[in-house]
Each structure stands twice: as structure tokens, then as C-alpha cells.
Amino acid sequence: MDFFEAQDRARRNTWKLVVFYLLAVVLIIATVYLIAAAVLGYHADVPPGASLTERIWHPALFLTVSAAIIMIIISGTLFRVAQLRKGGSAVA
């Protein structure tokens, strides 16, 4: 196998992993938001004739959930990066 070919393949795979990581973050935020809205009873305050969007969209709750989830994910990511900076033995 050619080194440069392997390097190009690794770069392509890295971009795929970054996209999947971002997709996972978005899905985690959406899931936690929907669960929080259901548990906190945000759907009860909506009038009976309201559309589906009005029933599930609460910007303040979304911003709170998003900020909390992003802080948790960034903290975990920074912790893992700090662990992996210790060198090859930490990676292995």
C-alpha cells in the first residue's frame, strides 16, 4: 500500500467522522429538547387549535438545552483531547 494513498483515505475518513460527530450532536440536542419539553409539560400551555410547530417549538427551552448539551460535549471533547496529548501510550 502506498503511504500517500493511505494518507488521502485517512483524510477522507476524518471528514466523514467530523460530519457524523456534528450530526450526532444535533440529534442529541433534538432528542434531549423533545424529552425536556414533554417532561416539563410545555405542550399543556398551547391552545387546542395550535399547529404542530407551535406545540413543540419553545425557543427559550431550546436555547437552554442546546447550551447545556454543547457545554457537556465540549467539556468531554477537551478532556479526551487532553488525555490523547500524552502521547502514543495514551492512544494505544
PDB file of N, CA and C in Angstrom:
ATOM      1  N   MET A   1       0.835  -1.168   0.000  1.00  0.00           N
ATOM      2  CA  MET A   1       0.000   0.000   0.000  1.00  0.00           C
ATOM      3  C   MET A   1       0.889   1.244   0.000  1.00  0.00           C
ATOM      4  N   ASP A   2       0.483   2.210  -0.774  1.00  0.00           N
ATOM      5  CA  ASP A   2       1.201   3.474  -0.886  1.00  0.00           C
ATOM      6  C   ASP A   2       0.867   4.377   0.300  1.00  0.00           C
ATOM      7  N   PHE A   3       1.896   5.001   0.869  1.00  0.00           N
ATOM      8  CA  PHE A   3       1.699   5.867   2.030  1.00  0.00           C
ATOM      9  C   PHE A   3       0.768   7.026   1.708  1.00  0.00           C
ATOM     10  N   PHE A   4       0.959   7.665   0.554  1.00  0.00           N
ATOM     11  CA  PHE A   4       0.157   8.830   0.198  1.00  0.00           C
ATOM     12  C   PHE A   4      -1.295   8.447  -0.059  1.00  0.00           C
ATOM     13  N   GLU A   5      -1.512   7.283  -0.592  1.00  0.00           N
ATOM     14  CA  GLU A   5      -2.869   6.780  -0.790  1.00  0.00           C
ATOM     15  C   GLU A   5      -3.554   6.566   0.564  1.00  0.00           C
ATOM     16  N   ALA A   6      -2.821   5.990   1.501  1.00  0.00           N
ATOM     17  CA  ALA A   6      -3.366   5.774   2.840  1.00  0.00           C
ATOM     18  C   ALA A   6      -3.639   7.104   3.529  1.00  0.00           C
ATOM     19  N   GLN A   7      -2.784   8.074   3.318  1.00  0.00           N
ATOM     20  CA  GLN A   7      -2.972   9.394   3.908  1.00  0.00           C
ATOM     21  C   GLN A   7      -4.229  10.068   3.346  1.00  0.00           C
ATOM     22  N   ASP A   8      -4.425   9.969   2.031  1.00  0.00           N
ATOM     23  CA  ASP A   8      -5.629  10.542   1.419  1.00  0.00           C
ATOM     24  C   ASP A   8      -6.890   9.861   1.937  1.00  0.00           C
ATOM     25  N   ARG A   9      -6.854   8.557   2.089  1.00  0.00           N
ATOM     26  CA  ARG A   9      -8.000   7.813   2.598  1.00  0.00           C
ATOM     27  C   ARG A   9      -8.294   8.223   4.050  1.00  0.00           C
ATOM     28  N   ALA A  10      -7.240   8.403   4.832  1.00  0.00           N
ATOM     29  CA  ALA A  10      -7.415   8.828   6.223  1.00  0.00           C
ATOM     30  C   ALA A  10      -8.046  10.214   6.295  1.00  0.00           C
ATOM     31  N   ARG A  11      -7.656  11.119   5.397  1.00  0.00           N
ATOM     32  CA  ARG A  11      -8.255  12.457   5.373  1.00  0.00           C
ATOM     33  C   ARG A  11      -9.732  12.399   5.013  1.00  0.00           C
ATOM     34  N   ARG A  12     -10.073  11.572   4.029  1.00  0.00           N
ATOM     35  CA  ARG A  12     -11.493  11.417   3.669  1.00  0.00           C
ATOM     36  C   ARG A  12     -12.282  10.852   4.844  1.00  0.00           C
ATOM     37  N   ASN A  13     -11.734   9.863   5.507  1.00  0.00           N
ATOM     38  CA  ASN A  13     -12.425   9.269   6.655  1.00  0.00           C
ATOM     39  C   ASN A  13     -12.563  10.260   7.803  1.00  0.00           C
ATOM     40  N   THR A  14     -11.582  11.130   7.969  1.00  0.00           N
ATOM     41  CA  THR A  14     -11.647  12.141   9.023  1.00  0.00           C
ATOM     42  C   THR A  14     -12.818  13.079   8.781  1.00  0.00           C
ATOM     43  N   TRP A  15     -12.997  13.526   7.533  1.00  0.00           N
ATOM     44  CA  TRP A  15     -14.119  14.406   7.234  1.00  0.00           C
ATOM     45  C   TRP A  15     -15.447  13.710   7.466  1.00  0.00           C
ATOM     46  N   LYS A  16     -15.525  12.432   7.120  1.00  0.00           N
ATOM     47  CA  LYS A  16     -16.753  11.676   7.375  1.00  0.00           C
ATOM     48  C   LYS A  16     -17.025  11.600   8.868  1.00  0.00           C
ATOM     49  N   LEU A  17     -15.995  11.356   9.658  1.00  0.00           N
ATOM     50  CA  LEU A  17     -16.165  11.272  11.106  1.00  0.00           C
ATOM     51  C   LEU A  17     -16.599  12.613  11.698  1.00  0.00           C
ATOM     52  N   VAL A  18     -16.059  13.701  11.189  1.00  0.00           N
ATOM     53  CA  VAL A  18     -16.448  15.026  11.673  1.00  0.00           C
ATOM     54  C   VAL A  18     -17.923  15.291  11.360  1.00  0.00           C
ATOM     55  N   VAL A  19     -18.356  14.936  10.160  1.00  0.00           N
ATOM     56  CA  VAL A  19     -19.758  15.112   9.778  1.00  0.00           C
ATOM     57  C   VAL A  19     -20.662  14.254  10.664  1.00  0.00           C
ATOM     58  N   PHE A  20     -20.293  13.005  10.896  1.00  0.00           N
ATOM     59  CA  PHE A  20     -21.089  12.133  11.762  1.00  0.00           C
ATOM     60  C   PHE A  20     -21.108  12.660  13.202  1.00  0.00           C
ATOM     61  N   TYR A  21     -20.002  13.207  13.655  1.00  0.00           N
ATOM     62  CA  TYR A  21     -19.928  13.776  15.007  1.00  0.00           C
ATOM     63  C   TYR A  21     -20.898  14.948  15.135  1.00  0.00           C
ATOM     64  N   LEU A  22     -20.880  15.855  14.168  1.00  0.00           N
ATOM     65  CA  LEU A  22     -21.783  17.005  14.198  1.00  0.00           C
ATOM     66  C   LEU A  22     -23.240  16.567  14.099  1.00  0.00           C
ATOM     67  N   LEU A  23     -23.509  15.570  13.262  1.00  0.00           N
ATOM     68  CA  LEU A  23     -24.861  15.032  13.146  1.00  0.00           C
ATOM     69  C   LEU A  23     -25.313  14.429  14.474  1.00  0.00           C
ATOM     70  N   ALA A  24     -24.420  13.723  15.136  1.00  0.00           N
ATOM     71  CA  ALA A  24     -24.752  13.145  16.440  1.00  0.00           C
ATOM     72  C   ALA A  24     -25.056  14.233  17.460  1.00  0.00           C
ATOM     73  N   VAL A  25     -24.299  15.314  17.452  1.00  0.00           N
ATOM     74  CA  VAL A  25     -24.540  16.423  18.379  1.00  0.00           C
ATOM     75  C   VAL A  25     -25.921  17.025  18.125  1.00  0.00           C
ATOM     76  N   VAL A  26     -26.260  17.245  16.874  1.00  0.00           N
ATOM     77  CA  VAL A  26     -27.572  17.804  16.524  1.00  0.00           C
ATOM     78  C   VAL A  26     -28.692  16.871  16.977  1.00  0.00           C
ATOM     79  N   LEU A  27     -28.534  15.582  16.732  1.00  0.00           N
ATOM     80  CA  LEU A  27     -29.566  14.624  17.132  1.00  0.00           C
ATOM     81  C   LEU A  27     -29.688  14.513  18.655  1.00  0.00           C
ATOM     82  N   ILE A  28     -28.578  14.593  19.357  1.00  0.00           N
ATOM     83  CA  ILE A  28     -28.628  14.572  20.826  1.00  0.00           C
ATOM     84  C   ILE A  28     -29.378  15.790  21.345  1.00  0.00           C
ATOM     85  N   ILE A  29     -29.082  16.957  20.798  1.00  0.00           N
ATOM     86  CA  ILE A  29     -29.768  18.182  21.224  1.00  0.00           C
ATOM     87  C   ILE A  29     -31.266  18.071  20.948  1.00  0.00           C
ATOM     88  N   ALA A  30     -31.631  17.620  19.757  1.00  0.00           N
ATOM     89  CA  ALA A  30     -33.052  17.490  19.413  1.00  0.00           C
ATOM     90  C   ALA A  30     -33.762  16.502  20.331  1.00  0.00           C
ATOM     91  N   THR A  31     -33.129  15.379  20.609  1.00  0.00           N
ATOM     92  CA  THR A  31     -33.745  14.371  21.467  1.00  0.00           C
ATOM     93  C   THR A  31     -33.930  14.886  22.894  1.00  0.00           C
ATOM     94  N   VAL A  32     -32.893  15.487  23.449  1.00  0.00           N
ATOM     95  CA  VAL A  32     -32.985  15.999  24.816  1.00  0.00           C
ATOM     96  C   VAL A  32     -34.008  17.132  24.880  1.00  0.00           C
ATOM     97  N   TYR A  33     -34.068  17.967  23.858  1.00  0.00           N
ATOM     98  CA  TYR A  33     -35.056  19.052  23.816  1.00  0.00           C
ATOM     99  C   TYR A  33     -36.474  18.496  23.826  1.00  0.00           C
ATOM    100  N   LEU A  34     -36.749  17.518  22.980  1.00  0.00           N
ATOM    101  CA  LEU A  34     -38.096  16.946  22.921  1.00  0.00           C
ATOM    102  C   LEU A  34     -38.478  16.262  24.231  1.00  0.00           C
ATOM    103  N   ILE A  35     -37.525  15.562  24.832  1.00  0.00           N
ATOM    104  CA  ILE A  35     -37.793  14.913  26.123  1.00  0.00           C
ATOM    105  C   ILE A  35     -38.041  15.965  27.202  1.00  0.00           C
ATOM    106  N   ALA A  36     -37.229  17.021  27.227  1.00  0.00           N
ATOM    107  CA  ALA A  36     -37.402  18.081  28.227  1.00  0.00           C
ATOM    108  C   ALA A  36     -38.752  18.775  28.044  1.00  0.00           C
ATOM    109  N   ALA A  37     -39.142  19.036  26.808  1.00  0.00           N
ATOM    110  CA  ALA A  37     -40.433  19.684  26.547  1.00  0.00           C
ATOM    111  C   ALA A  37     -41.586  18.795  27.013  1.00  0.00           C
ATOM    112  N   ALA A  38     -41.474  17.497  26.787  1.00  0.00           N
ATOM    113  CA  ALA A  38     -42.531  16.577  27.209  1.00  0.00           C
ATOM    114  C   ALA A  38     -42.577  16.454  28.728  1.00  0.00           C
ATOM    115  N   VAL A  39     -41.415  16.319  29.354  1.00  0.00           N
ATOM    116  CA  VAL A  39     -41.367  16.135  30.807  1.00  0.00           C
ATOM    117  C   VAL A  39     -41.825  17.397  31.540  1.00  0.00           C
ATOM    118  N   LEU A  40     -41.417  18.546  31.048  1.00  0.00           N
ATOM    119  CA  LEU A  40     -41.764  19.798  31.708  1.00  0.00           C
ATOM    120  C   LEU A  40     -43.177  20.272  31.380  1.00  0.00           C
ATOM    121  N   GLY A  41     -43.865  19.572  30.482  1.00  0.00           N
ATOM    122  CA  GLY A  41     -45.250  19.893  30.169  1.00  0.00           C
ATOM    123  C   GLY A  41     -45.439  21.132  29.334  1.00  0.00           C
ATOM    124  N   TYR A  42     -44.503  21.445  28.463  1.00  0.00           N
ATOM    125  CA  TYR A  42     -44.627  22.630  27.622  1.00  0.00           C
ATOM    126  C   TYR A  42     -45.783  22.511  26.635  1.00  0.00           C
ATOM    127  N   HIS A  43     -46.204  21.316  26.331  1.00  0.00           N
ATOM    128  CA  HIS A  43     -47.312  21.134  25.391  1.00  0.00           C
ATOM    129  C   HIS A  43     -48.656  21.479  26.024  1.00  0.00           C
ATOM    130  N   ALA A  44     -48.748  21.519  27.339  1.00  0.00           N
ATOM    131  CA  ALA A  44     -50.008  21.789  28.027  1.00  0.00           C
ATOM    132  C   ALA A  44     -50.424  23.255  27.910  1.00  0.00           C
ATOM    133  N   ASP A  45     -49.480  24.160  27.705  1.00  0.00           N
ATOM    134  CA  ASP A  45     -49.787  25.594  27.637  1.00  0.00           C
ATOM    135  C   ASP A  45     -50.279  26.040  26.272  1.00  0.00           C
ATOM    136  N   VAL A  46     -50.265  25.152  25.303  1.00  0.00           N
ATOM    137  CA  VAL A  46     -50.596  25.520  23.932  1.00  0.00           C
ATOM    138  C   VAL A  46     -52.102  25.358  23.720  1.00  0.00           C
ATOM    139  N   PRO A  47     -52.745  26.341  23.046  1.00  0.00           N
ATOM    140  CA  PRO A  47     -54.180  26.226  22.779  1.00  0.00           C
ATOM    141  C   PRO A  47     -54.492  24.995  21.913  1.00  0.00           C
ATOM    142  N   PRO A  48     -55.709  24.450  22.017  1.00  0.00           N
ATOM    143  CA  PRO A  48     -56.057  23.213  21.307  1.00  0.00           C
ATOM    144  C   PRO A  48     -55.922  23.285  19.793  1.00  0.00           C
ATOM    145  N   GLY A  49     -56.136  24.433  19.172  1.00  0.00           N
ATOM    146  CA  GLY A  49     -56.082  24.544  17.716  1.00  0.00           C
ATOM    147  C   GLY A  49     -54.702  24.865  17.170  1.00  0.00           C
ATOM    148  N   ALA A  50     -53.686  24.809  17.986  1.00  0.00           N
ATOM    149  CA  ALA A  50     -52.333  25.203  17.572  1.00  0.00           C
ATOM    150  C   ALA A  50     -51.730  24.165  16.631  1.00  0.00           C
ATOM    151  N   SER A  51     -50.860  24.646  15.775  1.00  0.00           N
ATOM    152  CA  SER A  51     -50.183  23.743  14.836  1.00  0.00           C
ATOM    153  C   SER A  51     -49.124  22.916  15.566  1.00  0.00           C
ATOM    154  N   LEU A  52     -48.613  21.905  14.878  1.00  0.00           N
ATOM    155  CA  LEU A  52     -47.598  21.040  15.471  1.00  0.00           C
ATOM    156  C   LEU A  52     -46.350  21.837  15.835  1.00  0.00           C
ATOM    157  N   THR A  53     -45.974  22.788  14.983  1.00  0.00           N
ATOM    158  CA  THR A  53     -44.796  23.612  15.253  1.00  0.00           C
ATOM    159  C   THR A  53     -44.987  24.424  16.536  1.00  0.00           C
ATOM    160  N   GLU A  54     -46.162  24.985  16.719  1.00  0.00           N
ATOM    161  CA  GLU A  54     -46.432  25.771  17.929  1.00  0.00           C
ATOM    162  C   GLU A  54     -46.448  24.890  19.175  1.00  0.00           C
ATOM    163  N   ARG A  55     -46.791  23.621  19.020  1.00  0.00           N
ATOM    164  CA  ARG A  55     -46.843  22.715  20.155  1.00  0.00           C
ATOM    165  C   ARG A  55     -45.457  22.269  20.618  1.00  0.00           C
ATOM    166  N   ILE A  56     -44.516  22.135  19.673  1.00  0.00           N
ATOM    167  CA  ILE A  56     -43.216  21.588  20.063  1.00  0.00           C
ATOM    168  C   ILE A  56     -42.086  22.615  20.066  1.00  0.00           C
ATOM    169  N   TRP A  57     -42.301  23.823  19.553  1.00  0.00           N
ATOM    170  CA  TRP A  57     -41.214  24.789  19.463  1.00  0.00           C
ATOM    171  C   TRP A  57     -41.302  25.804  20.594  1.00  0.00           C
ATOM    172  N   HIS A  58     -40.299  25.777  21.465  1.00  0.00           N
ATOM    173  CA  HIS A  58     -40.177  26.710  22.578  1.00  0.00           C
ATOM    174  C   HIS A  58     -38.736  27.216  22.588  1.00  0.00           C
ATOM    175  N   PRO A  59     -38.496  28.381  21.993  1.00  0.00           N
ATOM    176  CA  PRO A  59     -37.121  28.873  21.812  1.00  0.00           C
ATOM    177  C   PRO A  59     -36.290  28.966  23.094  1.00  0.00           C
ATOM    178  N   ALA A  60     -36.878  29.418  24.184  1.00  0.00           N
ATOM    179  CA  ALA A  60     -36.098  29.555  25.418  1.00  0.00           C
ATOM    180  C   ALA A  60     -35.628  28.193  25.919  1.00  0.00           C
ATOM    181  N   LEU A  61     -36.508  27.213  25.891  1.00  0.00           N
ATOM    182  CA  LEU A  61     -36.131  25.866  26.310  1.00  0.00           C
ATOM    183  C   LEU A  61     -35.077  25.293  25.373  1.00  0.00           C
ATOM    184  N   PHE A  62     -35.251  25.536  24.074  1.00  0.00           N
ATOM    185  CA  PHE A  62     -34.285  25.028  23.103  1.00  0.00           C
ATOM    186  C   PHE A  62     -32.901  25.613  23.339  1.00  0.00           C
ATOM    187  N   LEU A  63     -32.832  26.916  23.586  1.00  0.00           N
ATOM    188  CA  LEU A  63     -31.531  27.550  23.832  1.00  0.00           C
ATOM    189  C   LEU A  63     -30.893  27.028  25.114  1.00  0.00           C
ATOM    190  N   THR A  64     -31.707  26.817  26.140  1.00  0.00           N
ATOM    191  CA  THR A  64     -31.180  26.296  27.404  1.00  0.00           C
ATOM    192  C   THR A  64     -30.632  24.887  27.223  1.00  0.00           C
ATOM    193  N   VAL A  65     -31.420  24.032  26.583  1.00  0.00           N
ATOM    194  CA  VAL A  65     -30.989  22.651  26.355  1.00  0.00           C
ATOM    195  C   VAL A  65     -29.756  22.620  25.465  1.00  0.00           C
ATOM    196  N   SER A  66     -29.769  23.406  24.392  1.00  0.00           N
ATOM    197  CA  SER A  66     -28.627  23.434  23.468  1.00  0.00           C
ATOM    198  C   SER A  66     -27.351  23.874  24.171  1.00  0.00           C
ATOM    199  N   ALA A  67     -27.449  24.927  24.955  1.00  0.00           N
ATOM    200  CA  ALA A  67     -26.263  25.428  25.659  1.00  0.00           C
ATOM    201  C   ALA A  67     -25.729  24.378  26.627  1.00  0.00           C
ATOM    202  N   ALA A  68     -26.618  23.731  27.370  1.00  0.00           N
ATOM    203  CA  ALA A  68     -26.179  22.723  28.331  1.00  0.00           C
ATOM    204  C   ALA A  68     -25.527  21.532  27.627  1.00  0.00           C
ATOM    205  N   ILE A  69     -26.147  21.041  26.572  1.00  0.00           N
ATOM    206  CA  ILE A  69     -25.609  19.885  25.856  1.00  0.00           C
ATOM    207  C   ILE A  69     -24.275  20.229  25.199  1.00  0.00           C
ATOM    208  N   ILE A  70     -24.194  21.394  24.591  1.00  0.00           N
ATOM    209  CA  ILE A  70     -22.941  21.788  23.925  1.00  0.00           C
ATOM    210  C   ILE A  70     -21.823  21.943  24.946  1.00  0.00           C
ATOM    211  N   MET A  71     -22.131  22.499  26.116  1.00  0.00           N
ATOM    212  CA  MET A  71     -21.102  22.627  27.157  1.00  0.00           C
ATOM    213  C   MET A  71     -20.623  21.260  27.621  1.00  0.00           C
ATOM    214  N   ILE A  72     -21.537  20.323  27.793  1.00  0.00           N
ATOM    215  CA  ILE A  72     -21.161  18.966  28.202  1.00  0.00           C
ATOM    216  C   ILE A  72     -20.299  18.304  27.141  1.00  0.00           C
ATOM    217  N   ILE A  73     -20.700  18.415  25.880  1.00  0.00           N
ATOM    218  CA  ILE A  73     -19.957  17.776  24.793  1.00  0.00           C
ATOM    219  C   ILE A  73     -18.584  18.413  24.625  1.00  0.00           C
ATOM    220  N   ILE A  74     -18.500  19.739  24.698  1.00  0.00           N
ATOM    221  CA  ILE A  74     -17.196  20.405  24.574  1.00  0.00           C
ATOM    222  C   ILE A  74     -16.283  20.017  25.730  1.00  0.00           C
ATOM    223  N   SER A  75     -16.849  19.947  26.939  1.00  0.00           N
ATOM    224  CA  SER A  75     -16.043  19.543  28.098  1.00  0.00           C
ATOM    225  C   SER A  75     -15.492  18.133  27.915  1.00  0.00           C
ATOM    226  N   GLY A  76     -16.346  17.221  27.483  1.00  0.00           N
ATOM    227  CA  GLY A  76     -15.901  15.842  27.246  1.00  0.00           C
ATOM    228  C   GLY A  76     -14.862  15.758  26.142  1.00  0.00           C
ATOM    229  N   THR A  77     -15.059  16.527  25.092  1.00  0.00           N
ATOM    230  CA  THR A  77     -14.110  16.530  23.984  1.00  0.00           C
ATOM    231  C   THR A  77     -12.755  17.068  24.424  1.00  0.00           C
ATOM    232  N   LEU A  78     -12.754  18.173  25.164  1.00  0.00           N
ATOM    233  CA  LEU A  78     -11.488  18.745  25.634  1.00  0.00           C
ATOM    234  C   LEU A  78     -10.780  17.805  26.601  1.00  0.00           C
ATOM    235  N   PHE A  79     -11.548  17.116  27.442  1.00  0.00           N
ATOM    236  CA  PHE A  79     -10.958  16.142  28.353  1.00  0.00           C
ATOM    237  C   PHE A  79     -10.282  15.016  27.578  1.00  0.00           C
ATOM    238  N   ARG A  80     -10.959  14.514  26.545  1.00  0.00           N
ATOM    239  CA  ARG A  80     -10.396  13.417  25.740  1.00  0.00           C
ATOM    240  C   ARG A  80      -9.172  13.891  24.956  1.00  0.00           C
ATOM    241  N   VAL A  81      -9.211  15.091  24.420  1.00  0.00           N
ATOM    242  CA  VAL A  81      -8.051  15.628  23.688  1.00  0.00           C
ATOM    243  C   VAL A  81      -6.867  15.767  24.640  1.00  0.00           C
ATOM    244  N   ALA A  82      -7.104  16.225  25.851  1.00  0.00           N
ATOM    245  CA  ALA A  82      -6.024  16.359  26.827  1.00  0.00           C
ATOM    246  C   ALA A  82      -5.432  14.987  27.162  1.00  0.00           C
ATOM    247  N   GLN A  83      -6.275  13.975  27.263  1.00  0.00           N
ATOM    248  CA  GLN A  83      -5.776  12.624  27.516  1.00  0.00           C
ATOM    249  C   GLN A  83      -4.925  12.122  26.354  1.00  0.00           C
ATOM    250  N   LEU A  84      -5.375  12.373  25.143  1.00  0.00           N
ATOM    251  CA  LEU A  84      -4.664  11.851  23.976  1.00  0.00           C
ATOM    252  C   LEU A  84      -3.374  12.618  23.677  1.00  0.00           C
ATOM    253  N   ARG A  85      -3.215  13.810  24.214  1.00  0.00           N
ATOM    254  CA  ARG A  85      -1.972  14.575  24.009  1.00  0.00           C
ATOM    255  C   ARG A  85      -0.796  14.001  24.774  1.00  0.00           C
ATOM    256  N   LYS A  86      -1.058  13.051  25.634  1.00  0.00           N
ATOM    257  CA  LYS A  86       0.018  12.460  26.430  1.00  0.00           C
ATOM    258  C   LYS A  86       0.939  11.575  25.606  1.00  0.00           C
ATOM    259  N   GLY A  87       0.552  11.277  24.401  1.00  0.00           N
ATOM    260  CA  GLY A  87       1.431  10.525  23.537  1.00  0.00           C
ATOM    261  C   GLY A  87       0.877   9.189  23.086  1.00  0.00           C
ATOM    262  N   GLY A  88       1.725   8.432  22.445  1.00  0.00           N
ATOM    263  CA  GLY A  88       1.330   7.164  21.844  1.00  0.00           C
ATOM    264  C   GLY A  88       0.814   6.135  22.842  1.00  0.00           C
ATOM    265  N   SER A  89       1.362   6.107  24.037  1.00  0.00           N
ATOM    266  CA  SER A  89       0.905   5.127  25.025  1.00  0.00           C
ATOM    267  C   SER A  89      -0.533   5.419  25.434  1.00  0.00           C
ATOM    268  N   ALA A  90      -0.926   6.674  25.509  1.00  0.00           N
ATOM    269  CA  ALA A  90      -2.310   7.015  25.861  1.00  0.00           C
ATOM    270  C   ALA A  90      -3.258   6.644  24.737  1.00  0.00           C
ATOM    271  N   VAL A  91      -2.816   6.792  23.495  1.00  0.00           N
ATOM    272  CA  VAL A  91      -3.638   6.448  22.342  1.00  0.00           C
ATOM    273  C   VAL A  91      -3.808   4.937  22.260  1.00  0.00           C
ATOM    274  N   ALA A  92      -2.729   4.217  22.493  1.00  0.00           N
ATOM    275  CA  ALA A  92      -2.770   2.751  22.414  1.00  0.00           C
ATOM    276  C   ALA A  92      -3.609   2.207  23.538  1.00  0.00           C
TER     277      ALA A  92
END
